[in-house]
């Protein structure tokens, strides 16, 4: 059974950093689009970063470019999201999602369509002094 588990969230001061992890089980991360999304209270879920694991192409929302870095470790079957220079507006529940339809990469990772096949349960990131 395909499962995604996020971890690494927490309370951090503005300007700080966090590294979120998305551990996959039940499948290997080859030939998948793995997306990171976030949802703040009262707001819609939005895409922030995505990686295509067949060629390691990466995608970022304009609002996070330069501060967020997505990467993966094949040996651990895990995708990471490094978040630097955290701002209070980054406060949200962060979710990772996976989808094997690499032919839909533009829709999933550029248009940030939420139609990913599998989702994790989320990890809370709170940025506050």
C-alpha atoms as a PDB file:
ATOM      1  CA  UNK A   1       0.000   0.000   0.000  1.00  0.00           C
ATOM      2  CA  UNK A   2       1.385   3.349  -1.058  1.00  0.00           C
ATOM      3  CA  UNK A   3       1.945   5.590   1.953  1.00  0.00           C
ATOM      4  CA  UNK A   4       3.535   8.995   2.503  1.00  0.00           C
ATOM      5  CA  UNK A   5       4.559  10.247   5.926  1.00  0.00           C
ATOM      6  CA  UNK A   6       5.680  13.831   6.525  1.00  0.00           C
ATOM      7  CA  UNK A   7       7.839  14.919   9.430  1.00  0.00           C
ATOM      8  CA  UNK A   8      10.104  17.754  10.490  1.00  0.00           C
ATOM      9  CA  UNK A   9       7.595  20.462  11.201  1.00  0.00           C
ATOM     10  CA  UNK A  10       7.645  22.554  14.347  1.00  0.00           C
ATOM     11  CA  UNK A  11       7.758  26.000  15.877  1.00  0.00           C
ATOM     12  CA  UNK A  12      10.531  28.217  14.571  1.00  0.00           C
ATOM     13  CA  UNK A  13      11.364  31.895  14.828  1.00  0.00           C
ATOM     14  CA  UNK A  14      11.264  34.163  11.777  1.00  0.00           C
ATOM     15  CA  UNK A  15      14.445  33.832   9.796  1.00  0.00           C
ATOM     16  CA  UNK A  16      14.974  30.267  10.916  1.00  0.00           C
ATOM     17  CA  UNK A  17      15.107  27.062   8.893  1.00  0.00           C
ATOM     18  CA  UNK A  18      13.418  23.700   8.809  1.00  0.00           C
ATOM     19  CA  UNK A  19      13.845  20.561   6.759  1.00  0.00           C
ATOM     20  CA  UNK A  20      10.664  18.651   6.106  1.00  0.00           C
ATOM     21  CA  UNK A  21      10.778  14.991   5.133  1.00  0.00           C
ATOM     22  CA  UNK A  22       8.355  12.931   3.084  1.00  0.00           C
ATOM     23  CA  UNK A  23       9.049   9.244   3.521  1.00  0.00           C
ATOM     24  CA  UNK A  24       7.458   6.885   1.037  1.00  0.00           C
ATOM     25  CA  UNK A  25       6.567   3.270   1.639  1.00  0.00           C
ATOM     26  CA  UNK A  26       4.848   0.700  -0.518  1.00  0.00           C
ATOM     27  CA  UNK A  27       6.494   2.067  -3.640  1.00  0.00           C
ATOM     28  CA  UNK A  28       9.813   3.475  -4.782  1.00  0.00           C
ATOM     29  CA  UNK A  29      10.110   7.115  -5.712  1.00  0.00           C
ATOM     30  CA  UNK A  30      11.321   6.481  -9.242  1.00  0.00           C
ATOM     31  CA  UNK A  31       9.128   7.922 -11.982  1.00  0.00           C
ATOM     32  CA  UNK A  32       6.879   9.952  -9.746  1.00  0.00           C
ATOM     33  CA  UNK A  33       5.948  13.567  -9.350  1.00  0.00           C
ATOM     34  CA  UNK A  34       6.336  14.428  -5.669  1.00  0.00           C
ATOM     35  CA  UNK A  35       4.763  17.681  -4.647  1.00  0.00           C
ATOM     36  CA  UNK A  36       4.826  19.745  -1.480  1.00  0.00           C
ATOM     37  CA  UNK A  37       1.718  21.740  -0.698  1.00  0.00           C
ATOM     38  CA  UNK A  38       0.696  23.857   2.254  1.00  0.00           C
ATOM     39  CA  UNK A  39      -2.559  25.020   3.747  1.00  0.00           C
ATOM     40  CA  UNK A  40      -2.835  27.909   6.150  1.00  0.00           C
ATOM     41  CA  UNK A  41      -5.900  28.358   8.357  1.00  0.00           C
ATOM     42  CA  UNK A  42      -8.799  29.708   6.366  1.00  0.00           C
ATOM     43  CA  UNK A  43      -6.931  29.464   3.078  1.00  0.00           C
ATOM     44  CA  UNK A  44      -6.910  27.072   0.186  1.00  0.00           C
ATOM     45  CA  UNK A  45      -4.205  24.468  -0.208  1.00  0.00           C
ATOM     46  CA  UNK A  46      -1.417  25.770  -2.422  1.00  0.00           C
ATOM     47  CA  UNK A  47       1.500  24.149  -4.170  1.00  0.00           C
ATOM     48  CA  UNK A  48       4.978  25.249  -3.172  1.00  0.00           C
ATOM     49  CA  UNK A  49       7.440  22.802  -4.713  1.00  0.00           C
ATOM     50  CA  UNK A  50       7.587  19.690  -6.835  1.00  0.00           C
ATOM     51  CA  UNK A  51      10.159  17.256  -8.139  1.00  0.00           C
ATOM     52  CA  UNK A  52       9.960  14.838 -11.030  1.00  0.00           C
ATOM     53  CA  UNK A  53      11.954  11.855  -9.905  1.00  0.00           C
ATOM     54  CA  UNK A  54      12.708  10.488 -13.375  1.00  0.00           C
ATOM     55  CA  UNK A  55      14.991  13.402 -14.182  1.00  0.00           C
ATOM     56  CA  UNK A  56      15.014  15.403 -10.920  1.00  0.00           C
ATOM     57  CA  UNK A  57      13.393  18.418 -12.518  1.00  0.00           C
ATOM     58  CA  UNK A  58      12.291  20.814  -9.806  1.00  0.00           C
ATOM     59  CA  UNK A  59       9.516  23.360  -9.673  1.00  0.00           C
ATOM     60  CA  UNK A  60       8.767  26.155  -7.213  1.00  0.00           C
ATOM     61  CA  UNK A  61       5.937  28.560  -6.627  1.00  0.00           C
ATOM     62  CA  UNK A  62       7.018  32.172  -7.134  1.00  0.00           C
ATOM     63  CA  UNK A  63       6.313  32.940  -3.474  1.00  0.00           C
ATOM     64  CA  UNK A  64       8.986  30.515  -2.257  1.00  0.00           C
ATOM     65  CA  UNK A  65      11.687  30.699  -4.917  1.00  0.00           C
ATOM     66  CA  UNK A  66      15.075  31.263  -3.393  1.00  0.00           C
ATOM     67  CA  UNK A  67      14.010  30.066   0.070  1.00  0.00           C
ATOM     68  CA  UNK A  68      12.697  26.545  -0.509  1.00  0.00           C
ATOM     69  CA  UNK A  69      14.756  23.680  -1.893  1.00  0.00           C
ATOM     70  CA  UNK A  70      13.359  20.280  -2.803  1.00  0.00           C
ATOM     71  CA  UNK A  71      15.580  17.230  -3.004  1.00  0.00           C
ATOM     72  CA  UNK A  72      15.438  13.488  -2.628  1.00  0.00           C
ATOM     73  CA  UNK A  73      17.469  10.618  -1.211  1.00  0.00           C
ATOM     74  CA  UNK A  74      16.911   7.430  -3.167  1.00  0.00           C
ATOM     75  CA  UNK A  75      18.586   5.305  -0.507  1.00  0.00           C
ATOM     76  CA  UNK A  76      15.993   6.445   2.014  1.00  0.00           C
ATOM     77  CA  UNK A  77      13.078   6.682  -0.421  1.00  0.00           C
ATOM     78  CA  UNK A  78      12.505  10.163   0.941  1.00  0.00           C
ATOM     79  CA  UNK A  79      11.921  13.617  -0.491  1.00  0.00           C
ATOM     80  CA  UNK A  80      12.970  16.668   1.495  1.00  0.00           C
ATOM     81  CA  UNK A  81      11.879  20.280   1.556  1.00  0.00           C
ATOM     82  CA  UNK A  82      14.480  22.637   2.979  1.00  0.00           C
ATOM     83  CA  UNK A  83      12.880  25.882   4.071  1.00  0.00           C
ATOM     84  CA  UNK A  84      15.137  28.826   4.851  1.00  0.00           C
ATOM     85  CA  UNK A  85      14.471  32.421   5.913  1.00  0.00           C
ATOM     86  CA  UNK A  86      11.115  31.412   7.322  1.00  0.00           C
ATOM     87  CA  UNK A  87       8.424  34.058   7.509  1.00  0.00           C
ATOM     88  CA  UNK A  88       5.246  34.163   9.592  1.00  0.00           C
ATOM     89  CA  UNK A  89       3.255  33.777   6.377  1.00  0.00           C
ATOM     90  CA  UNK A  90       4.888  30.368   5.876  1.00  0.00           C
ATOM     91  CA  UNK A  91       2.845  29.103   8.820  1.00  0.00           C
ATOM     92  CA  UNK A  92       0.718  26.228   7.537  1.00  0.00           C
ATOM     93  CA  UNK A  93       0.253  22.497   7.478  1.00  0.00           C
ATOM     94  CA  UNK A  94       2.646  21.121   4.874  1.00  0.00           C
ATOM     95  CA  UNK A  95       1.650  18.075   2.866  1.00  0.00           C
ATOM     96  CA  UNK A  96       3.510  15.928   0.395  1.00  0.00           C
ATOM     97  CA  UNK A  97       1.789  14.161  -2.455  1.00  0.00           C
ATOM     98  CA  UNK A  98       2.772  11.641  -5.093  1.00  0.00           C
ATOM     99  CA  UNK A  99       1.531  10.844  -8.557  1.00  0.00           C
ATOM    100  CA  UNK A 100       2.886   8.501 -11.198  1.00  0.00           C
ATOM    101  CA  UNK A 101       1.396  10.343 -14.158  1.00  0.00           C
ATOM    102  CA  UNK A 102       4.516  12.120 -15.340  1.00  0.00           C
ATOM    103  CA  UNK A 103       2.673  12.984 -18.524  1.00  0.00           C
ATOM    104  CA  UNK A 104       0.617  15.336 -16.346  1.00  0.00           C
ATOM    105  CA  UNK A 105       3.669  17.075 -14.896  1.00  0.00           C
ATOM    106  CA  UNK A 106       2.750  20.504 -16.189  1.00  0.00           C
ATOM    107  CA  UNK A 107      -0.716  20.324 -14.665  1.00  0.00           C
ATOM    108  CA  UNK A 108       0.527  18.904 -11.357  1.00  0.00           C
ATOM    109  CA  UNK A 109       3.762  20.816 -10.796  1.00  0.00           C
ATOM    110  CA  UNK A 110       3.287  24.090 -12.658  1.00  0.00           C
ATOM    111  CA  UNK A 111      -0.451  24.672 -12.458  1.00  0.00           C
ATOM    112  CA  UNK A 112      -0.410  23.023  -9.007  1.00  0.00           C
ATOM    113  CA  UNK A 113      -3.479  20.908  -9.632  1.00  0.00           C
ATOM    114  CA  UNK A 114      -4.384  19.077  -6.421  1.00  0.00           C
ATOM    115  CA  UNK A 115      -5.200  15.901  -8.347  1.00  0.00           C
ATOM    116  CA  UNK A 116      -2.299  13.893  -6.928  1.00  0.00           C
ATOM    117  CA  UNK A 117      -3.005  10.217  -6.367  1.00  0.00           C
ATOM    118  CA  UNK A 118      -1.638   9.925  -2.831  1.00  0.00           C
ATOM    119  CA  UNK A 119      -1.277  12.362   0.047  1.00  0.00           C
ATOM    120  CA  UNK A 120       0.408  12.326   3.404  1.00  0.00           C
ATOM    121  CA  UNK A 121      -1.215  13.431   6.637  1.00  0.00           C
ATOM    122  CA  UNK A 122       0.697  16.709   6.892  1.00  0.00           C
ATOM    123  CA  UNK A 123       3.134  18.325   9.300  1.00  0.00           C
ATOM    124  CA  UNK A 124       2.571  21.649  11.047  1.00  0.00           C
ATOM    125  CA  UNK A 125       5.005  24.514  10.535  1.00  0.00           C
ATOM    126  CA  UNK A 126       4.560  27.530  12.768  1.00  0.00           C
ATOM    127  CA  UNK A 127       6.719  30.609  12.369  1.00  0.00           C
ATOM    128  CA  UNK A 128       6.441  32.943  15.312  1.00  0.00           C
ATOM    129  CA  UNK A 129       8.610  34.916  17.662  1.00  0.00           C
END
